PDB file of N, CA and C in Angstrom:
ATOM      1  N   MET A   1     -85.195 -27.529  -6.043  1.00  0.00           N
ATOM      2  CA  MET A   1     -83.836 -27.848  -6.413  1.00  0.00           C
ATOM      3  C   MET A   1     -83.384 -27.041  -7.629  1.00  0.00           C
ATOM      4  N   GLN A   2     -84.340 -26.407  -8.331  1.00  0.00           N
ATOM      5  CA  GLN A   2     -83.974 -25.618  -9.502  1.00  0.00           C
ATOM      6  C   GLN A   2     -83.063 -24.455  -9.137  1.00  0.00           C
ATOM      7  N   LEU A   3     -83.339 -23.827  -8.003  1.00  0.00           N
ATOM      8  CA  LEU A   3     -82.548 -22.665  -7.600  1.00  0.00           C
ATOM      9  C   LEU A   3     -81.076 -23.013  -7.381  1.00  0.00           C
ATOM     10  N   PRO A   4     -80.739 -24.077  -6.645  1.00  0.00           N
ATOM     11  CA  PRO A   4     -79.311 -24.415  -6.503  1.00  0.00           C
ATOM     12  C   PRO A   4     -78.656 -24.795  -7.839  1.00  0.00           C
ATOM     13  N   LEU A   5     -79.405 -25.444  -8.728  1.00  0.00           N
ATOM     14  CA  LEU A   5     -78.847 -25.780 -10.039  1.00  0.00           C
ATOM     15  C   LEU A   5     -78.509 -24.504 -10.806  1.00  0.00           C
ATOM     16  N   GLU A   6     -79.440 -23.574 -10.795  1.00  0.00           N
ATOM     17  CA  GLU A   6     -79.213 -22.307 -11.478  1.00  0.00           C
ATOM     18  C   GLU A   6     -78.050 -21.547 -10.832  1.00  0.00           C
ATOM     19  N   ALA A   7     -77.968 -21.584  -9.514  1.00  0.00           N
ATOM     20  CA  ALA A   7     -76.903 -20.876  -8.809  1.00  0.00           C
ATOM     21  C   ALA A   7     -75.529 -21.456  -9.139  1.00  0.00           C
ATOM     22  N   VAL A   8     -75.407 -22.780  -9.202  1.00  0.00           N
ATOM     23  CA  VAL A   8     -74.130 -23.405  -9.563  1.00  0.00           C
ATOM     24  C   VAL A   8     -73.730 -22.978 -10.969  1.00  0.00           C
ATOM     25  N   ALA A   9     -74.681 -22.988 -11.889  1.00  0.00           N
ATOM     26  CA  ALA A   9     -74.384 -22.553 -13.254  1.00  0.00           C
ATOM     27  C   ALA A   9     -73.955 -21.089 -13.273  1.00  0.00           C
ATOM     28  N   LEU A  10     -74.672 -20.245 -12.563  1.00  0.00           N
ATOM     29  CA  LEU A  10     -74.364 -18.819 -12.538  1.00  0.00           C
ATOM     30  C   LEU A  10     -72.975 -18.561 -11.951  1.00  0.00           C
ATOM     31  N   TYR A  11     -72.676 -19.153 -10.813  1.00  0.00           N
ATOM     32  CA  TYR A  11     -71.364 -18.931 -10.197  1.00  0.00           C
ATOM     33  C   TYR A  11     -70.237 -19.474 -11.071  1.00  0.00           C
ATOM     34  N   SER A  12     -70.478 -20.581 -11.757  1.00  0.00           N
ATOM     35  CA  SER A  12     -69.466 -21.138 -12.663  1.00  0.00           C
ATOM     36  C   SER A  12     -69.202 -20.188 -13.820  1.00  0.00           C
ATOM     37  N   LEU A  13     -70.273 -19.687 -14.421  1.00  0.00           N
ATOM     38  CA  LEU A  13     -70.118 -18.775 -15.555  1.00  0.00           C
ATOM     39  C   LEU A  13     -69.502 -17.450 -15.120  1.00  0.00           C
ATOM     40  N   LYS A  14     -69.813 -17.012 -13.919  1.00  0.00           N
ATOM     41  CA  LYS A  14     -69.185 -15.795 -13.395  1.00  0.00           C
ATOM     42  C   LYS A  14     -67.671 -15.994 -13.284  1.00  0.00           C
ATOM     43  N   LEU A  15     -67.257 -17.133 -12.755  1.00  0.00           N
ATOM     44  CA  LEU A  15     -65.819 -17.416 -12.651  1.00  0.00           C
ATOM     45  C   LEU A  15     -65.165 -17.442 -14.025  1.00  0.00           C
ATOM     46  N   ALA A  16     -65.849 -18.023 -14.990  1.00  0.00           N
ATOM     47  CA  ALA A  16     -65.267 -18.208 -16.313  1.00  0.00           C
ATOM     48  C   ALA A  16     -65.254 -16.926 -17.141  1.00  0.00           C
ATOM     49  N   TYR A  17     -66.310 -16.128 -17.055  1.00  0.00           N
ATOM     50  CA  TYR A  17     -66.456 -15.041 -18.020  1.00  0.00           C
ATOM     51  C   TYR A  17     -66.449 -13.633 -17.445  1.00  0.00           C
ATOM     52  N   GLU A  18     -66.690 -13.491 -16.165  1.00  0.00           N
ATOM     53  CA  GLU A  18     -66.769 -12.151 -15.606  1.00  0.00           C
ATOM     54  C   GLU A  18     -65.374 -11.626 -15.313  1.00  0.00           C
ATOM     55  N   CYS A  19     -65.083 -10.430 -15.770  1.00  0.00           N
ATOM     56  CA  CYS A  19     -63.794  -9.836 -15.449  1.00  0.00           C
ATOM     57  C   CYS A  19     -64.016  -8.500 -14.758  1.00  0.00           C
ATOM     58  N   GLU A  20     -63.027  -8.130 -13.994  1.00  0.00           N
ATOM     59  CA  GLU A  20     -63.125  -6.911 -13.209  1.00  0.00           C
ATOM     60  C   GLU A  20     -63.352  -5.711 -14.122  1.00  0.00           C
ATOM     61  N   GLY A  21     -64.297  -4.887 -13.740  1.00  0.00           N
ATOM     62  CA  GLY A  21     -64.609  -3.692 -14.511  1.00  0.00           C
ATOM     63  C   GLY A  21     -65.647  -3.896 -15.594  1.00  0.00           C
ATOM     64  N   SER A  22     -66.063  -5.141 -15.809  1.00  0.00           N
ATOM     65  CA  SER A  22     -67.080  -5.396 -16.835  1.00  0.00           C
ATOM     66  C   SER A  22     -68.437  -5.577 -16.175  1.00  0.00           C
ATOM     67  N   SER A  23     -69.455  -5.641 -16.987  1.00  0.00           N
ATOM     68  CA  SER A  23     -70.796  -5.861 -16.464  1.00  0.00           C
ATOM     69  C   SER A  23     -70.883  -7.253 -15.847  1.00  0.00           C
ATOM     70  N   PRO A  24     -71.541  -7.368 -14.711  1.00  0.00           N
ATOM     71  CA  PRO A  24     -71.659  -8.694 -14.088  1.00  0.00           C
ATOM     72  C   PRO A  24     -72.623  -9.588 -14.859  1.00  0.00           C
ATOM     73  N   ILE A  25     -72.382 -10.869 -14.768  1.00  0.00           N
ATOM     74  CA  ILE A  25     -73.312 -11.845 -15.344  1.00  0.00           C
ATOM     75  C   ILE A  25     -74.444 -12.014 -14.344  1.00  0.00           C
ATOM     76  N   LEU A  26     -75.659 -11.825 -14.827  1.00  0.00           N
ATOM     77  CA  LEU A  26     -76.844 -11.954 -13.992  1.00  0.00           C
ATOM     78  C   LEU A  26     -77.689 -13.112 -14.490  1.00  0.00           C
ATOM     79  N   ARG A  27     -78.706 -13.467 -13.727  1.00  0.00           N
ATOM     80  CA  ARG A  27     -79.551 -14.604 -14.093  1.00  0.00           C
ATOM     81  C   ARG A  27     -80.233 -14.434 -15.441  1.00  0.00           C
ATOM     82  N   ASP A  28     -80.497 -13.182 -15.856  1.00  0.00           N
ATOM     83  CA  ASP A  28     -81.173 -12.967 -17.140  1.00  0.00           C
ATOM     84  C   ASP A  28     -80.197 -12.720 -18.288  1.00  0.00           C
ATOM     85  N   ASP A  29     -78.913 -12.935 -18.057  1.00  0.00           N
ATOM     86  CA  ASP A  29     -77.893 -12.763 -19.079  1.00  0.00           C
ATOM     87  C   ASP A  29     -78.063 -13.834 -20.159  1.00  0.00           C
ATOM     88  N   PRO A  30     -77.808 -13.505 -21.422  1.00  0.00           N
ATOM     89  CA  PRO A  30     -77.918 -14.522 -22.492  1.00  0.00           C
ATOM     90  C   PRO A  30     -77.054 -15.762 -22.251  1.00  0.00           C
ATOM     91  N   ALA A  31     -75.934 -15.611 -21.544  1.00  0.00           N
ATOM     92  CA  ALA A  31     -75.082 -16.774 -21.247  1.00  0.00           C
ATOM     93  C   ALA A  31     -75.798 -17.795 -20.372  1.00  0.00           C
ATOM     94  N   MET A  32     -76.849 -17.349 -19.686  1.00  0.00           N
ATOM     95  CA  MET A  32     -77.587 -18.224 -18.768  1.00  0.00           C
ATOM     96  C   MET A  32     -78.798 -18.882 -19.429  1.00  0.00           C
ATOM     97  N   SER A  33     -78.999 -18.668 -20.726  1.00  0.00           N
ATOM     98  CA  SER A  33     -80.237 -19.138 -21.374  1.00  0.00           C
ATOM     99  C   SER A  33     -80.475 -20.639 -21.229  1.00  0.00           C
ATOM    100  N   ASP A  34     -79.433 -21.443 -21.284  1.00  0.00           N
ATOM    101  CA  ASP A  34     -79.590 -22.902 -21.143  1.00  0.00           C
ATOM    102  C   ASP A  34     -79.559 -23.363 -19.697  1.00  0.00           C
ATOM    103  N   TYR A  35     -79.344 -22.430 -18.767  1.00  0.00           N
ATOM    104  CA  TYR A  35     -79.134 -22.801 -17.374  1.00  0.00           C
ATOM    105  C   TYR A  35     -80.098 -22.092 -16.426  1.00  0.00           C
ATOM    106  N   GLN A  36     -81.233 -21.671 -16.939  1.00  0.00           N
ATOM    107  CA  GLN A  36     -82.210 -20.971 -16.114  1.00  0.00           C
ATOM    108  C   GLN A  36     -83.057 -21.962 -15.320  1.00  0.00           C
ATOM    109  N   ARG A  37     -83.648 -21.438 -14.276  1.00  0.00           N
ATOM    110  CA  ARG A  37     -84.436 -22.237 -13.341  1.00  0.00           C
ATOM    111  C   ARG A  37     -85.524 -23.044 -14.051  1.00  0.00           C
ATOM    112  N   ASP A  38     -86.227 -22.428 -15.011  1.00  0.00           N
ATOM    113  CA  ASP A  38     -87.314 -23.138 -15.685  1.00  0.00           C
ATOM    114  C   ASP A  38     -86.805 -24.286 -16.555  1.00  0.00           C
ATOM    115  N   VAL A  39     -85.616 -24.130 -17.120  1.00  0.00           N
ATOM    116  CA  VAL A  39     -85.015 -25.212 -17.912  1.00  0.00           C
ATOM    117  C   VAL A  39     -84.696 -26.395 -16.998  1.00  0.00           C
ATOM    118  N   PHE A  40     -84.102 -26.093 -15.850  1.00  0.00           N
ATOM    119  CA  PHE A  40     -83.803 -27.156 -14.895  1.00  0.00           C
ATOM    120  C   PHE A  40     -85.089 -27.768 -14.336  1.00  0.00           C
ATOM    121  N   ALA A  41     -86.119 -26.952 -14.144  1.00  0.00           N
ATOM    122  CA  ALA A  41     -87.401 -27.465 -13.632  1.00  0.00           C
ATOM    123  C   ALA A  41     -87.973 -28.506 -14.585  1.00  0.00           C
ATOM    124  N   PHE A  42     -87.886 -28.231 -15.882  1.00  0.00           N
ATOM    125  CA  PHE A  42     -88.377 -29.189 -16.883  1.00  0.00           C
ATOM    126  C   PHE A  42     -87.614 -30.506 -16.785  1.00  0.00           C
ATOM    127  N   GLU A  43     -86.297 -30.430 -16.683  1.00  0.00           N
ATOM    128  CA  GLU A  43     -85.491 -31.648 -16.608  1.00  0.00           C
ATOM    129  C   GLU A  43     -85.724 -32.388 -15.299  1.00  0.00           C
ATOM    130  N   LEU A  44     -85.944 -31.646 -14.224  1.00  0.00           N
ATOM    131  CA  LEU A  44     -86.257 -32.287 -12.942  1.00  0.00           C
ATOM    132  C   LEU A  44     -87.596 -33.008 -13.002  1.00  0.00           C
ATOM    133  N   ARG A  45     -88.597 -32.363 -13.604  1.00  0.00           N
ATOM    134  CA  ARG A  45     -89.917 -33.013 -13.735  1.00  0.00           C
ATOM    135  C   ARG A  45     -89.823 -34.298 -14.536  1.00  0.00           C
ATOM    136  N   ASN A  46     -88.956 -34.295 -15.536  1.00  0.00           N
ATOM    137  CA  ASN A  46     -88.767 -35.492 -16.363  1.00  0.00           C
ATOM    138  C   ASN A  46     -87.837 -36.510 -15.705  1.00  0.00           C
ATOM    139  N   GLY A  47     -87.218 -36.120 -14.590  1.00  0.00           N
ATOM    140  CA  GLY A  47     -86.297 -37.028 -13.912  1.00  0.00           C
ATOM    141  C   GLY A  47     -85.035 -37.301 -14.709  1.00  0.00           C
ATOM    142  N   ASP A  48     -84.649 -36.362 -15.568  1.00  0.00           N
ATOM    143  CA  ASP A  48     -83.507 -36.551 -16.461  1.00  0.00           C
ATOM    144  C   ASP A  48     -82.197 -36.164 -15.766  1.00  0.00           C
ATOM    145  N   ILE A  49     -81.732 -37.046 -14.912  1.00  0.00           N
ATOM    146  CA  ILE A  49     -80.519 -36.809 -14.133  1.00  0.00           C
ATOM    147  C   ILE A  49     -79.312 -36.633 -15.049  1.00  0.00           C
ATOM    148  N   ASN A  50     -79.232 -37.421 -16.091  1.00  0.00           N
ATOM    149  CA  ASN A  50     -78.086 -37.326 -17.008  1.00  0.00           C
ATOM    150  C   ASN A  50     -78.015 -35.963 -17.683  1.00  0.00           C
ATOM    151  N   ALA A  51     -79.145 -35.438 -18.116  1.00  0.00           N
ATOM    152  CA  ALA A  51     -79.157 -34.120 -18.757  1.00  0.00           C
ATOM    153  C   ALA A  51     -78.744 -33.035 -17.770  1.00  0.00           C
ATOM    154  N   ILE A  52     -79.216 -33.148 -16.544  1.00  0.00           N
ATOM    155  CA  ILE A  52     -78.852 -32.177 -15.512  1.00  0.00           C
ATOM    156  C   ILE A  52     -77.353 -32.240 -15.237  1.00  0.00           C
ATOM    157  N   GLN A  53     -76.832 -33.442 -15.074  1.00  0.00           N
ATOM    158  CA  GLN A  53     -75.407 -33.595 -14.796  1.00  0.00           C
ATOM    159  C   GLN A  53     -74.558 -33.103 -15.970  1.00  0.00           C
ATOM    160  N   LEU A  54     -75.021 -33.315 -17.180  1.00  0.00           N
ATOM    161  CA  LEU A  54     -74.292 -32.854 -18.360  1.00  0.00           C
ATOM    162  C   LEU A  54     -74.253 -31.329 -18.411  1.00  0.00           C
ATOM    163  N   LYS A  55     -75.396 -30.686 -18.194  1.00  0.00           N
ATOM    164  CA  LYS A  55     -75.451 -29.217 -18.214  1.00  0.00           C
ATOM    165  C   LYS A  55     -74.573 -28.617 -17.131  1.00  0.00           C
ATOM    166  N   VAL A  56     -74.711 -29.100 -15.925  1.00  0.00           N
ATOM    167  CA  VAL A  56     -73.925 -28.579 -14.817  1.00  0.00           C
ATOM    168  C   VAL A  56     -72.448 -28.914 -15.036  1.00  0.00           C
ATOM    169  N   GLY A  57     -72.175 -30.073 -15.575  1.00  0.00           N
ATOM    170  CA  GLY A  57     -70.793 -30.466 -15.863  1.00  0.00           C
ATOM    171  C   GLY A  57     -70.096 -29.519 -16.820  1.00  0.00           C
ATOM    172  N   ARG A  58     -70.821 -29.032 -17.835  1.00  0.00           N
ATOM    173  CA  ARG A  58     -70.238 -28.054 -18.760  1.00  0.00           C
ATOM    174  C   ARG A  58     -69.848 -26.779 -18.027  1.00  0.00           C
ATOM    175  N   CYS A  59     -70.711 -26.341 -17.134  1.00  0.00           N
ATOM    176  CA  CYS A  59     -70.416 -25.131 -16.358  1.00  0.00           C
ATOM    177  C   CYS A  59     -69.227 -25.360 -15.420  1.00  0.00           C
ATOM    178  N   LEU A  60     -69.195 -26.519 -14.799  1.00  0.00           N
ATOM    179  CA  LEU A  60     -68.099 -26.819 -13.875  1.00  0.00           C
ATOM    180  C   LEU A  60     -66.763 -26.932 -14.606  1.00  0.00           C
ATOM    181  N   ASP A  61     -66.788 -27.427 -15.837  1.00  0.00           N
ATOM    182  CA  ASP A  61     -65.561 -27.476 -16.636  1.00  0.00           C
ATOM    183  C   ASP A  61     -65.024 -26.069 -16.890  1.00  0.00           C
ATOM    184  N   LEU A  62     -65.922 -25.136 -17.191  1.00  0.00           N
ATOM    185  CA  LEU A  62     -65.513 -23.740 -17.391  1.00  0.00           C
ATOM    186  C   LEU A  62     -64.937 -23.157 -16.105  1.00  0.00           C
ATOM    187  N   ALA A  63     -65.582 -23.457 -14.982  1.00  0.00           N
ATOM    188  CA  ALA A  63     -65.093 -22.963 -13.692  1.00  0.00           C
ATOM    189  C   ALA A  63     -63.726 -23.561 -13.370  1.00  0.00           C
ATOM    190  N   LEU A  64     -63.553 -24.840 -13.670  1.00  0.00           N
ATOM    191  CA  LEU A  64     -62.268 -25.489 -13.412  1.00  0.00           C
ATOM    192  C   LEU A  64     -61.156 -24.811 -14.209  1.00  0.00           C
ATOM    193  N   ASP A  65     -61.415 -24.514 -15.469  1.00  0.00           N
ATOM    194  CA  ASP A  65     -60.428 -23.799 -16.280  1.00  0.00           C
ATOM    195  C   ASP A  65     -60.123 -22.427 -15.687  1.00  0.00           C
ATOM    196  N   ALA A  66     -61.163 -21.739 -15.225  1.00  0.00           N
ATOM    197  CA  ALA A  66     -60.977 -20.411 -14.633  1.00  0.00           C
ATOM    198  C   ALA A  66     -60.153 -20.474 -13.352  1.00  0.00           C
ATOM    199  N   LEU A  67     -60.208 -21.597 -12.657  1.00  0.00           N
ATOM    200  CA  LEU A  67     -59.441 -21.765 -11.423  1.00  0.00           C
ATOM    201  C   LEU A  67     -58.021 -22.242 -11.670  1.00  0.00           C
ATOM    202  N   GLY A  68     -57.658 -22.426 -12.928  1.00  0.00           N
ATOM    203  CA  GLY A  68     -56.298 -22.840 -13.253  1.00  0.00           C
ATOM    204  C   GLY A  68     -56.131 -24.315 -13.503  1.00  0.00           C
ATOM    205  N   GLY A  69     -57.227 -25.047 -13.574  1.00  0.00           N
ATOM    206  CA  GLY A  69     -57.167 -26.470 -13.867  1.00  0.00           C
ATOM    207  C   GLY A  69     -57.036 -27.340 -12.639  1.00  0.00           C
ATOM    208  N   ALA A  70     -56.909 -28.612 -12.892  1.00  0.00           N
ATOM    209  CA  ALA A  70     -56.878 -29.608 -11.820  1.00  0.00           C
ATOM    210  C   ALA A  70     -55.560 -29.625 -11.056  1.00  0.00           C
ATOM    211  N   GLN A  71     -54.564 -28.870 -11.529  1.00  0.00           N
ATOM    212  CA  GLN A  71     -53.273 -28.852 -10.857  1.00  0.00           C
ATOM    213  C   GLN A  71     -53.246 -27.882  -9.679  1.00  0.00           C
ATOM    214  N   THR A  72     -54.221 -26.999  -9.595  1.00  0.00           N
ATOM    215  CA  THR A  72     -54.243 -26.021  -8.508  1.00  0.00           C
ATOM    216  C   THR A  72     -55.047 -26.564  -7.330  1.00  0.00           C
ATOM    217  N   PRO A  73     -54.778 -26.086  -6.130  1.00  0.00           N
ATOM    218  CA  PRO A  73     -55.552 -26.558  -4.971  1.00  0.00           C
ATOM    219  C   PRO A  73     -57.060 -26.314  -5.124  1.00  0.00           C
ATOM    220  N   MET A  74     -57.445 -25.135  -5.613  1.00  0.00           N
ATOM    221  CA  MET A  74     -58.878 -24.867  -5.780  1.00  0.00           C
ATOM    222  C   MET A  74     -59.480 -25.741  -6.880  1.00  0.00           C
ATOM    223  N   GLY A  75     -58.714 -26.000  -7.915  1.00  0.00           N
ATOM    224  CA  GLY A  75     -59.184 -26.878  -8.981  1.00  0.00           C
ATOM    225  C   GLY A  75     -59.374 -28.307  -8.505  1.00  0.00           C
ATOM    226  N   ARG A  76     -58.433 -28.791  -7.705  1.00  0.00           N
ATOM    227  CA  ARG A  76     -58.561 -30.154  -7.161  1.00  0.00           C
ATOM    228  C   ARG A  76     -59.792 -30.271  -6.267  1.00  0.00           C
ATOM    229  N   GLU A  77     -60.036 -29.240  -5.467  1.00  0.00           N
ATOM    230  CA  GLU A  77     -61.212 -29.265  -4.591  1.00  0.00           C
ATOM    231  C   GLU A  77     -62.496 -29.235  -5.416  1.00  0.00           C
ATOM    232  N   LEU A  78     -62.516 -28.426  -6.462  1.00  0.00           N
ATOM    233  CA  LEU A  78     -63.695 -28.389  -7.324  1.00  0.00           C
ATOM    234  C   LEU A  78     -63.921 -29.744  -7.985  1.00  0.00           C
ATOM    235  N   LEU A  79     -62.861 -30.375  -8.430  1.00  0.00           N
ATOM    236  CA  LEU A  79     -62.981 -31.719  -9.019  1.00  0.00           C
ATOM    237  C   LEU A  79     -63.534 -32.721  -8.017  1.00  0.00           C
ATOM    238  N   ARG A  80     -63.045 -32.655  -6.796  1.00  0.00           N
ATOM    239  CA  ARG A  80     -63.529 -33.585  -5.762  1.00  0.00           C
ATOM    240  C   ARG A  80     -65.027 -33.371  -5.518  1.00  0.00           C
ATOM    241  N   LEU A  81     -65.421 -32.122  -5.367  1.00  0.00           N
ATOM    242  CA  LEU A  81     -66.828 -31.818  -5.110  1.00  0.00           C
ATOM    243  C   LEU A  81     -67.706 -32.155  -6.309  1.00  0.00           C
ATOM    244  N   SER A  82     -67.217 -31.893  -7.506  1.00  0.00           N
ATOM    245  CA  SER A  82     -68.022 -32.194  -8.690  1.00  0.00           C
ATOM    246  C   SER A  82     -68.159 -33.700  -8.896  1.00  0.00           C
ATOM    247  N   GLY A  83     -67.174 -34.465  -8.426  1.00  0.00           N
ATOM    248  CA  GLY A  83     -67.267 -35.920  -8.522  1.00  0.00           C
ATOM    249  C   GLY A  83     -68.430 -36.464  -7.716  1.00  0.00           C
ATOM    250  N   GLU A  84     -68.663 -35.885  -6.566  1.00  0.00           N
ATOM    251  CA  GLU A  84     -69.798 -36.314  -5.739  1.00  0.00           C
ATOM    252  C   GLU A  84     -71.120 -36.020  -6.458  1.00  0.00           C
ATOM    253  N   PHE A  85     -71.191 -34.891  -7.129  1.00  0.00           N
ATOM    254  CA  PHE A  85     -72.392 -34.531  -7.884  1.00  0.00           C
ATOM    255  C   PHE A  85     -72.565 -35.450  -9.095  1.00  0.00           C
ATOM    256  N   THR A  86     -71.486 -35.667  -9.825  1.00  0.00           N
ATOM    257  CA  THR A  86     -71.537 -36.480 -11.040  1.00  0.00           C
ATOM    258  C   THR A  86     -71.865 -37.938 -10.746  1.00  0.00           C
ATOM    259  N   ASN A  87     -71.433 -38.447  -9.603  1.00  0.00           N
ATOM    260  CA  ASN A  87     -71.674 -39.847  -9.255  1.00  0.00           C
ATOM    261  C   ASN A  87     -73.050 -40.093  -8.651  1.00  0.00           C
ATOM    262  N   ALA A  88     -73.802 -39.043  -8.401  1.00  0.00           N
ATOM    263  CA  ALA A  88     -75.141 -39.213  -7.818  1.00  0.00           C
ATOM    264  C   ALA A  88     -76.041 -39.975  -8.793  1.00  0.00           C
ATOM    265  N   GLN A  89     -76.780 -40.926  -8.251  1.00  0.00           N
ATOM    266  CA  GLN A  89     -77.676 -41.746  -9.068  1.00  0.00           C
ATOM    267  C   GLN A  89     -79.138 -41.298  -8.967  1.00  0.00           C
ATOM    268  N   THR A  90     -79.425 -40.520  -7.933  1.00  0.00           N
ATOM    269  CA  THR A  90     -80.793 -40.049  -7.728  1.00  0.00           C
ATOM    270  C   THR A  90     -80.768 -38.550  -7.428  1.00  0.00           C
ATOM    271  N   LEU A  91     -81.929 -37.930  -7.538  1.00  0.00           N
ATOM    272  CA  LEU A  91     -82.030 -36.505  -7.212  1.00  0.00           C
ATOM    273  C   LEU A  91     -81.734 -36.270  -5.738  1.00  0.00           C
ATOM    274  N   GLU A  92     -82.113 -37.212  -4.900  1.00  0.00           N
ATOM    275  CA  GLU A  92     -81.857 -37.094  -3.469  1.00  0.00           C
ATOM    276  C   GLU A  92     -80.360 -37.110  -3.167  1.00  0.00           C
ATOM    277  N   GLN A  93     -79.594 -37.912  -3.891  1.00  0.00           N
ATOM    278  CA  GLN A  93     -78.143 -37.946  -3.722  1.00  0.00           C
ATOM    279  C   GLN A  93     -77.498 -36.697  -4.310  1.00  0.00           C
ATOM    280  N   MET A  94     -78.090 -36.170  -5.360  1.00  0.00           N
ATOM    281  CA  MET A  94     -77.545 -35.022  -6.058  1.00  0.00           C
ATOM    282  C   MET A  94     -77.664 -33.739  -5.227  1.00  0.00           C
ATOM    283  N   HIS A  95     -78.741 -33.616  -4.482  1.00  0.00           N
ATOM    284  CA  HIS A  95     -79.046 -32.362  -3.801  1.00  0.00           C
ATOM    285  C   HIS A  95     -77.961 -31.900  -2.819  1.00  0.00           C
ATOM    286  N   PRO A  96     -77.485 -32.728  -1.870  1.00  0.00           N
ATOM    287  CA  PRO A  96     -76.449 -32.242  -0.942  1.00  0.00           C
ATOM    288  C   PRO A  96     -75.146 -31.877  -1.662  1.00  0.00           C
ATOM    289  N   ALA A  97     -74.772 -32.653  -2.668  1.00  0.00           N
ATOM    290  CA  ALA A  97     -73.555 -32.362  -3.432  1.00  0.00           C
ATOM    291  C   ALA A  97     -73.705 -31.037  -4.178  1.00  0.00           C
ATOM    292  N   LEU A  98     -74.885 -30.778  -4.667  1.00  0.00           N
ATOM    293  CA  LEU A  98     -75.168 -29.540  -5.372  1.00  0.00           C
ATOM    294  C   LEU A  98     -75.052 -28.331  -4.441  1.00  0.00           C
ATOM    295  N   LEU A  99     -75.586 -28.453  -3.245  1.00  0.00           N
ATOM    296  CA  LEU A  99     -75.496 -27.356  -2.281  1.00  0.00           C
ATOM    297  C   LEU A  99     -74.042 -27.081  -1.889  1.00  0.00           C
ATOM    298  N   THR A 100     -73.253 -28.127  -1.748  1.00  0.00           N
ATOM    299  CA  THR A 100     -71.835 -27.963  -1.428  1.00  0.00           C
ATOM    300  C   THR A 100     -71.103 -27.269  -2.571  1.00  0.00           C
ATOM    301  N   LEU A 101     -71.395 -27.676  -3.800  1.00  0.00           N
ATOM    302  CA  LEU A 101     -70.788 -27.022  -4.973  1.00  0.00           C
ATOM    303  C   LEU A 101     -71.159 -25.543  -5.025  1.00  0.00           C
ATOM    304  N   LYS A 102     -72.427 -25.250  -4.792  1.00  0.00           N
ATOM    305  CA  LYS A 102     -72.898 -23.861  -4.835  1.00  0.00           C
ATOM    306  C   LYS A 102     -72.136 -23.013  -3.821  1.00  0.00           C
ATOM    307  N   ASP A 103     -72.011 -23.514  -2.609  1.00  0.00           N
ATOM    308  CA  ASP A 103     -71.310 -22.779  -1.557  1.00  0.00           C
ATOM    309  C   ASP A 103     -69.827 -22.587  -1.907  1.00  0.00           C
ATOM    310  N   TYR A 104     -69.211 -23.629  -2.446  1.00  0.00           N
ATOM    311  CA  TYR A 104     -67.797 -23.534  -2.810  1.00  0.00           C
ATOM    312  C   TYR A 104     -67.585 -22.496  -3.909  1.00  0.00           C
ATOM    313  N   LEU A 105     -68.383 -22.569  -4.958  1.00  0.00           N
ATOM    314  CA  LEU A 105     -68.235 -21.629  -6.062  1.00  0.00           C
ATOM    315  C   LEU A 105     -68.506 -20.187  -5.613  1.00  0.00           C
ATOM    316  N   LYS A 106     -69.463 -20.029  -4.741  1.00  0.00           N
ATOM    317  CA  LYS A 106     -69.746 -18.685  -4.222  1.00  0.00           C
ATOM    318  C   LYS A 106     -68.553 -18.156  -3.427  1.00  0.00           C
ATOM    319  N   ASP A 107     -67.930 -19.021  -2.641  1.00  0.00           N
ATOM    320  CA  ASP A 107     -66.794 -18.622  -1.813  1.00  0.00           C
ATOM    321  C   ASP A 107     -65.559 -18.251  -2.643  1.00  0.00           C
ATOM    322  N   VAL A 108     -65.340 -18.927  -3.755  1.00  0.00           N
ATOM    323  CA  VAL A 108     -64.133 -18.650  -4.541  1.00  0.00           C
ATOM    324  C   VAL A 108     -64.302 -17.473  -5.496  1.00  0.00           C
ATOM    325  N   GLN A 109     -65.470 -16.903  -5.547  1.00  0.00           N
ATOM    326  CA  GLN A 109     -65.715 -15.748  -6.402  1.00  0.00           C
ATOM    327  C   GLN A 109     -64.769 -14.650  -6.105  1.00  0.00           C
TER     328      GLN A 109
END
């Protein structure tokens, strides 16, 4: 599950910070230091759902701003999808919502 968590963070940060003609944000970029696979692996091993949701939530907030906020159709859809992730009580509930978020963020790139 670390890979989808890292991917959601990466796609969110790409939406927020990557601009045309600049260097792309990659997994080893300093902006990804708090959102790398090993960081998420540690939190998953500890079962710290709240910490995971908080980290991913920060990235999703940046992506929402990049999409024009909650008033835009893409922003509303991101809010709806992120709500399913945020409301998850277990890792098992979190996983499908996470995969949907990853696919959505990848598509809107």
